[in-house]
Structure formats: C-alpha cells, structure tokens
Amino acid sequence: MADYSLTDDELETLARFGSLDQPSKVDPQHFAKLISMALIEQKEGGPELTHAGRKHLARKEK
C-alpha cells in the first residue's frame, strides 16, 4: 500500500521548490517521494512544483 501523506520534513522540502531560489541540497528520499507523487517534476532548468504540488501546499496552509 502506498503512503500518500507527507511528513513535516517532506512538506518543508516541497515548499522549498515553490520559492524563487531552487534548493541546492535536498534529502534524496524526499526528492524521490515528491517525484513519485507527481508533486514536483524534473525540467531542463531544474525541478519545479506541479499543479498538484501547488494544490497540496495550498491545502496544508489552510
């Protein structure tokens, strides 16, 4: 069974991808989980939040 919830640390990592400065160091396990959940995607200029990632952050801020 897959775990689709994020820990506080993983959520913090996700939020770092929403800032203007791309994070230089990210826990590889957090990165892999965020990619596998399609919350971030790898692009030519670096990883970016997906629409789903932005929605996930917005839900957590409420």
PDB file of N, CA and C in Angstrom:
ATOM      1  N   MET A   1       0.846  -1.180   0.000  1.00  0.00           N
ATOM      2  CA  MET A   1       0.000   0.000   0.000  1.00  0.00           C
ATOM      3  C   MET A   1       0.889   1.240   0.000  1.00  0.00           C
ATOM      4  N   ALA A   2       0.583   2.184  -0.842  1.00  0.00           N
ATOM      5  CA  ALA A   2       1.378   3.402  -0.967  1.00  0.00           C
ATOM      6  C   ALA A   2       0.977   4.407   0.107  1.00  0.00           C
ATOM      7  N   ASP A   3       1.960   5.168   0.569  1.00  0.00           N
ATOM      8  CA  ASP A   3       1.716   6.217   1.551  1.00  0.00           C
ATOM      9  C   ASP A   3       1.713   7.556   0.824  1.00  0.00           C
ATOM     10  N   TYR A   4       0.547   8.174   0.733  1.00  0.00           N
ATOM     11  CA  TYR A   4       0.425   9.437   0.011  1.00  0.00           C
ATOM     12  C   TYR A   4       0.433  10.644   0.941  1.00  0.00           C
ATOM     13  N   SER A   5       0.747  10.439   2.209  1.00  0.00           N
ATOM     14  CA  SER A   5       0.841  11.565   3.127  1.00  0.00           C
ATOM     15  C   SER A   5       2.301  12.001   3.218  1.00  0.00           C
ATOM     16  N   LEU A   6       2.494  13.254   3.579  1.00  0.00           N
ATOM     17  CA  LEU A   6       3.844  13.793   3.702  1.00  0.00           C
ATOM     18  C   LEU A   6       4.144  14.100   5.157  1.00  0.00           C
ATOM     19  N   THR A   7       5.375  13.834   5.566  1.00  0.00           N
ATOM     20  CA  THR A   7       5.816  14.239   6.891  1.00  0.00           C
ATOM     21  C   THR A   7       6.036  15.748   6.874  1.00  0.00           C
ATOM     22  N   ASP A   8       6.230  16.329   8.040  1.00  0.00           N
ATOM     23  CA  ASP A   8       6.512  17.767   8.108  1.00  0.00           C
ATOM     24  C   ASP A   8       7.788  18.105   7.348  1.00  0.00           C
ATOM     25  N   ASP A   9       8.803  17.253   7.455  1.00  0.00           N
ATOM     26  CA  ASP A   9      10.068  17.486   6.738  1.00  0.00           C
ATOM     27  C   ASP A   9       9.862  17.427   5.226  1.00  0.00           C
ATOM     28  N   GLU A  10       9.078  16.462   4.758  1.00  0.00           N
ATOM     29  CA  GLU A  10       8.808  16.343   3.321  1.00  0.00           C
ATOM     30  C   GLU A  10       7.999  17.536   2.821  1.00  0.00           C
ATOM     31  N   LEU A  11       7.055  17.993   3.634  1.00  0.00           N
ATOM     32  CA  LEU A  11       6.257  19.163   3.272  1.00  0.00           C
ATOM     33  C   LEU A  11       7.138  20.411   3.195  1.00  0.00           C
ATOM     34  N   GLU A  12       8.078  20.527   4.113  1.00  0.00           N
ATOM     35  CA  GLU A  12       9.028  21.645   4.087  1.00  0.00           C
ATOM     36  C   GLU A  12       9.877  21.589   2.814  1.00  0.00           C
ATOM     37  N   THR A  13      10.308  20.399   2.438  1.00  0.00           N
ATOM     38  CA  THR A  13      11.078  20.233   1.203  1.00  0.00           C
ATOM     39  C   THR A  13      10.238  20.645   0.002  1.00  0.00           C
ATOM     40  N   LEU A  14       8.984  20.226  -0.029  1.00  0.00           N
ATOM     41  CA  LEU A  14       8.092  20.597  -1.127  1.00  0.00           C
ATOM     42  C   LEU A  14       7.955  22.114  -1.212  1.00  0.00           C
ATOM     43  N   ALA A  15       7.780  22.768  -0.086  1.00  0.00           N
ATOM     44  CA  ALA A  15       7.623  24.225  -0.063  1.00  0.00           C
ATOM     45  C   ALA A  15       8.870  24.928  -0.592  1.00  0.00           C
ATOM     46  N   ARG A  16      10.032  24.345  -0.369  1.00  0.00           N
ATOM     47  CA  ARG A  16      11.278  24.955  -0.858  1.00  0.00           C
ATOM     48  C   ARG A  16      11.303  25.026  -2.381  1.00  0.00           C
ATOM     49  N   PHE A  17      10.632  24.105  -3.052  1.00  0.00           N
ATOM     50  CA  PHE A  17      10.582  24.133  -4.517  1.00  0.00           C
ATOM     51  C   PHE A  17       9.646  25.227  -5.028  1.00  0.00           C
ATOM     52  N   GLY A  18       8.805  25.761  -4.160  1.00  0.00           N
ATOM     53  CA  GLY A  18       7.911  26.840  -4.544  1.00  0.00           C
ATOM     54  C   GLY A  18       8.536  28.214  -4.426  1.00  0.00           C
ATOM     55  N   SER A  19       9.710  28.296  -3.817  1.00  0.00           N
ATOM     56  CA  SER A  19      10.378  29.587  -3.666  1.00  0.00           C
ATOM     57  C   SER A  19      11.135  29.940  -4.943  1.00  0.00           C
ATOM     58  N   LEU A  20      11.545  31.197  -5.040  1.00  0.00           N
ATOM     59  CA  LEU A  20      12.279  31.640  -6.228  1.00  0.00           C
ATOM     60  C   LEU A  20      13.649  30.990  -6.329  1.00  0.00           C
ATOM     61  N   ASP A  21      14.281  30.752  -5.188  1.00  0.00           N
ATOM     62  CA  ASP A  21      15.599  30.105  -5.173  1.00  0.00           C
ATOM     63  C   ASP A  21      15.416  28.597  -5.101  1.00  0.00           C
ATOM     64  N   GLN A  22      15.945  27.894  -6.084  1.00  0.00           N
ATOM     65  CA  GLN A  22      15.876  26.435  -6.071  1.00  0.00           C
ATOM     66  C   GLN A  22      16.759  25.904  -4.942  1.00  0.00           C
ATOM     67  N   PRO A  23      16.273  24.939  -4.193  1.00  0.00           N
ATOM     68  CA  PRO A  23      17.102  24.370  -3.129  1.00  0.00           C
ATOM     69  C   PRO A  23      18.330  23.678  -3.717  1.00  0.00           C
ATOM     70  N   SER A  24      19.474  23.883  -3.079  1.00  0.00           N
ATOM     71  CA  SER A  24      20.703  23.272  -3.590  1.00  0.00           C
ATOM     72  C   SER A  24      20.915  21.873  -3.012  1.00  0.00           C
ATOM     73  N   LYS A  25      20.454  21.652  -1.795  1.00  0.00           N
ATOM     74  CA  LYS A  25      20.592  20.330  -1.176  1.00  0.00           C
ATOM     75  C   LYS A  25      19.221  19.874  -0.696  1.00  0.00           C
ATOM     76  N   VAL A  26      18.851  18.688  -1.139  1.00  0.00           N
ATOM     77  CA  VAL A  26      17.555  18.106  -0.779  1.00  0.00           C
ATOM     78  C   VAL A  26      17.788  16.650  -0.413  1.00  0.00           C
ATOM     79  N   ASP A  27      17.102  16.200   0.625  1.00  0.00           N
ATOM     80  CA  ASP A  27      17.182  14.792   1.011  1.00  0.00           C
ATOM     81  C   ASP A  27      16.736  13.950  -0.186  1.00  0.00           C
ATOM     82  N   PRO A  28      17.584  13.035  -0.657  1.00  0.00           N
ATOM     83  CA  PRO A  28      17.242  12.233  -1.838  1.00  0.00           C
ATOM     84  C   PRO A  28      15.949  11.430  -1.673  1.00  0.00           C
ATOM     85  N   GLN A  29      15.665  10.980  -0.460  1.00  0.00           N
ATOM     86  CA  GLN A  29      14.424  10.225  -0.239  1.00  0.00           C
ATOM     87  C   GLN A  29      13.207  11.136  -0.355  1.00  0.00           C
ATOM     88  N   HIS A  30      13.329  12.366   0.145  1.00  0.00           N
ATOM     89  CA  HIS A  30      12.230  13.325   0.000  1.00  0.00           C
ATOM     90  C   HIS A  30      12.010  13.616  -1.479  1.00  0.00           C
ATOM     91  N   PHE A  31      13.106  13.874  -2.200  1.00  0.00           N
ATOM     92  CA  PHE A  31      13.024  14.196  -3.627  1.00  0.00           C
ATOM     93  C   PHE A  31      12.344  13.057  -4.384  1.00  0.00           C
ATOM     94  N   ALA A  32      12.757  11.826  -4.113  1.00  0.00           N
ATOM     95  CA  ALA A  32      12.181  10.662  -4.799  1.00  0.00           C
ATOM     96  C   ALA A  32      10.688  10.535  -4.503  1.00  0.00           C
ATOM     97  N   LYS A  33      10.297  10.750  -3.261  1.00  0.00           N
ATOM     98  CA  LYS A  33       8.879  10.636  -2.906  1.00  0.00           C
ATOM     99  C   LYS A  33       8.064  11.733  -3.585  1.00  0.00           C
ATOM    100  N   LEU A  34       8.584  12.963  -3.602  1.00  0.00           N
ATOM    101  CA  LEU A  34       7.859  14.073  -4.230  1.00  0.00           C
ATOM    102  C   LEU A  34       7.715  13.850  -5.732  1.00  0.00           C
ATOM    103  N   ILE A  35       8.762  13.316  -6.361  1.00  0.00           N
ATOM    104  CA  ILE A  35       8.698  12.983  -7.792  1.00  0.00           C
ATOM    105  C   ILE A  35       7.668  11.871  -8.014  1.00  0.00           C
ATOM    106  N   SER A  36       7.724  10.830  -7.197  1.00  0.00           N
ATOM    107  CA  SER A  36       6.820   9.686  -7.386  1.00  0.00           C
ATOM    108  C   SER A  36       5.362  10.064  -7.154  1.00  0.00           C
ATOM    109  N   MET A  37       5.122  11.064  -6.314  1.00  0.00           N
ATOM    110  CA  MET A  37       3.762  11.530  -6.061  1.00  0.00           C
ATOM    111  C   MET A  37       3.337  12.605  -7.068  1.00  0.00           C
ATOM    112  N   ALA A  38       4.217  12.919  -8.017  1.00  0.00           N
ATOM    113  CA  ALA A  38       3.967  13.933  -9.055  1.00  0.00           C
ATOM    114  C   ALA A  38       3.708  15.309  -8.457  1.00  0.00           C
ATOM    115  N   LEU A  39       4.372  15.606  -7.327  1.00  0.00           N
ATOM    116  CA  LEU A  39       4.249  16.928  -6.721  1.00  0.00           C
ATOM    117  C   LEU A  39       5.314  17.876  -7.253  1.00  0.00           C
ATOM    118  N   ILE A  40       6.395  17.305  -7.761  1.00  0.00           N
ATOM    119  CA  ILE A  40       7.413  18.071  -8.478  1.00  0.00           C
ATOM    120  C   ILE A  40       7.758  17.291  -9.739  1.00  0.00           C
ATOM    121  N   GLU A  41       8.293  18.006 -10.716  1.00  0.00           N
ATOM    122  CA  GLU A  41       8.749  17.334 -11.932  1.00  0.00           C
ATOM    123  C   GLU A  41      10.098  17.901 -12.323  1.00  0.00           C
ATOM    124  N   GLN A  42      10.916  17.067 -12.907  1.00  0.00           N
ATOM    125  CA  GLN A  42      12.248  17.470 -13.342  1.00  0.00           C
ATOM    126  C   GLN A  42      12.132  18.130 -14.707  1.00  0.00           C
ATOM    127  N   LYS A  43      12.615  19.359 -14.788  1.00  0.00           N
ATOM    128  CA  LYS A  43      12.610  20.096 -16.054  1.00  0.00           C
ATOM    129  C   LYS A  43      14.047  20.469 -16.389  1.00  0.00           C
ATOM    130  N   GLU A  44      14.236  21.016 -17.569  1.00  0.00           N
ATOM    131  CA  GLU A  44      15.579  21.376 -18.015  1.00  0.00           C
ATOM    132  C   GLU A  44      16.251  22.374 -17.070  1.00  0.00           C
ATOM    133  N   GLY A  45      15.495  23.330 -16.544  1.00  0.00           N
ATOM    134  CA  GLY A  45      16.053  24.336 -15.641  1.00  0.00           C
ATOM    135  C   GLY A  45      16.114  23.892 -14.194  1.00  0.00           C
ATOM    136  N   GLY A  46      15.678  22.691 -13.912  1.00  0.00           N
ATOM    137  CA  GLY A  46      15.660  22.166 -12.547  1.00  0.00           C
ATOM    138  C   GLY A  46      14.253  21.741 -12.156  1.00  0.00           C
ATOM    139  N   PRO A  47      14.120  21.139 -10.997  1.00  0.00           N
ATOM    140  CA  PRO A  47      12.813  20.653 -10.559  1.00  0.00           C
ATOM    141  C   PRO A  47      11.841  21.808 -10.331  1.00  0.00           C
ATOM    142  N   GLU A  48      10.566  21.568 -10.621  1.00  0.00           N
ATOM    143  CA  GLU A  48       9.522  22.573 -10.428  1.00  0.00           C
ATOM    144  C   GLU A  48       8.305  21.927  -9.789  1.00  0.00           C
ATOM    145  N   LEU A  49       7.573  22.744  -9.033  1.00  0.00           N
ATOM    146  CA  LEU A  49       6.303  22.280  -8.486  1.00  0.00           C
ATOM    147  C   LEU A  49       5.323  22.024  -9.620  1.00  0.00           C
ATOM    148  N   THR A  50       4.562  20.973  -9.502  1.00  0.00           N
ATOM    149  CA  THR A  50       3.488  20.717 -10.460  1.00  0.00           C
ATOM    150  C   THR A  50       2.214  21.386  -9.940  1.00  0.00           C
ATOM    151  N   HIS A  51       1.178  21.346 -10.742  1.00  0.00           N
ATOM    152  CA  HIS A  51      -0.123  21.861 -10.305  1.00  0.00           C
ATOM    153  C   HIS A  51      -0.566  21.121  -9.042  1.00  0.00           C
ATOM    154  N   ALA A  52      -0.376  19.815  -9.030  1.00  0.00           N
ATOM    155  CA  ALA A  52      -0.743  19.003  -7.861  1.00  0.00           C
ATOM    156  C   ALA A  52       0.076  19.406  -6.640  1.00  0.00           C
ATOM    157  N   GLY A  53       1.349  19.722  -6.843  1.00  0.00           N
ATOM    158  CA  GLY A  53       2.200  20.159  -5.737  1.00  0.00           C
ATOM    159  C   GLY A  53       1.732  21.475  -5.147  1.00  0.00           C
ATOM    160  N   ARG A  54       1.358  22.419  -6.020  1.00  0.00           N
ATOM    161  CA  ARG A  54       0.849  23.711  -5.544  1.00  0.00           C
ATOM    162  C   ARG A  54      -0.468  23.525  -4.787  1.00  0.00           C
ATOM    163  N   LYS A  55      -1.339  22.643  -5.292  1.00  0.00           N
ATOM    164  CA  LYS A  55      -2.609  22.375  -4.611  1.00  0.00           C
ATOM    165  C   LYS A  55      -2.364  21.738  -3.244  1.00  0.00           C
ATOM    166  N   HIS A  56      -1.394  20.833  -3.171  1.00  0.00           N
ATOM    167  CA  HIS A  56      -1.076  20.165  -1.911  1.00  0.00           C
ATOM    168  C   HIS A  56      -0.596  21.188  -0.881  1.00  0.00           C
ATOM    169  N   LEU A  57       0.262  22.111  -1.294  1.00  0.00           N
ATOM    170  CA  LEU A  57       0.747  23.151  -0.384  1.00  0.00           C
ATOM    171  C   LEU A  57      -0.395  24.063   0.061  1.00  0.00           C
ATOM    172  N   ALA A  58      -1.267  24.418  -0.859  1.00  0.00           N
ATOM    173  CA  ALA A  58      -2.394  25.294  -0.524  1.00  0.00           C
ATOM    174  C   ALA A  58      -3.319  24.629   0.499  1.00  0.00           C
ATOM    175  N   ARG A  59      -3.535  23.323   0.359  1.00  0.00           N
ATOM    176  CA  ARG A  59      -4.377  22.587   1.318  1.00  0.00           C
ATOM    177  C   ARG A  59      -3.750  22.591   2.697  1.00  0.00           C
ATOM    178  N   LYS A  60      -2.435  22.442   2.761  1.00  0.00           N
ATOM    179  CA  LYS A  60      -1.742  22.376   4.046  1.00  0.00           C
ATOM    180  C   LYS A  60      -1.708  23.732   4.740  1.00  0.00           C
ATOM    181  N   GLU A  61      -1.786  24.828   3.981  1.00  0.00           N
ATOM    182  CA  GLU A  61      -1.749  26.164   4.574  1.00  0.00           C
ATOM    183  C   GLU A  61      -3.069  26.527   5.243  1.00  0.00           C
ATOM    184  N   LYS A  62      -4.139  25.845   4.898  1.00  0.00           N
ATOM    185  CA  LYS A  62      -5.463  26.160   5.467  1.00  0.00           C
ATOM    186  C   LYS A  62      -5.596  25.657   6.872  1.00  0.00           C
TER     187      LYS A  62
END
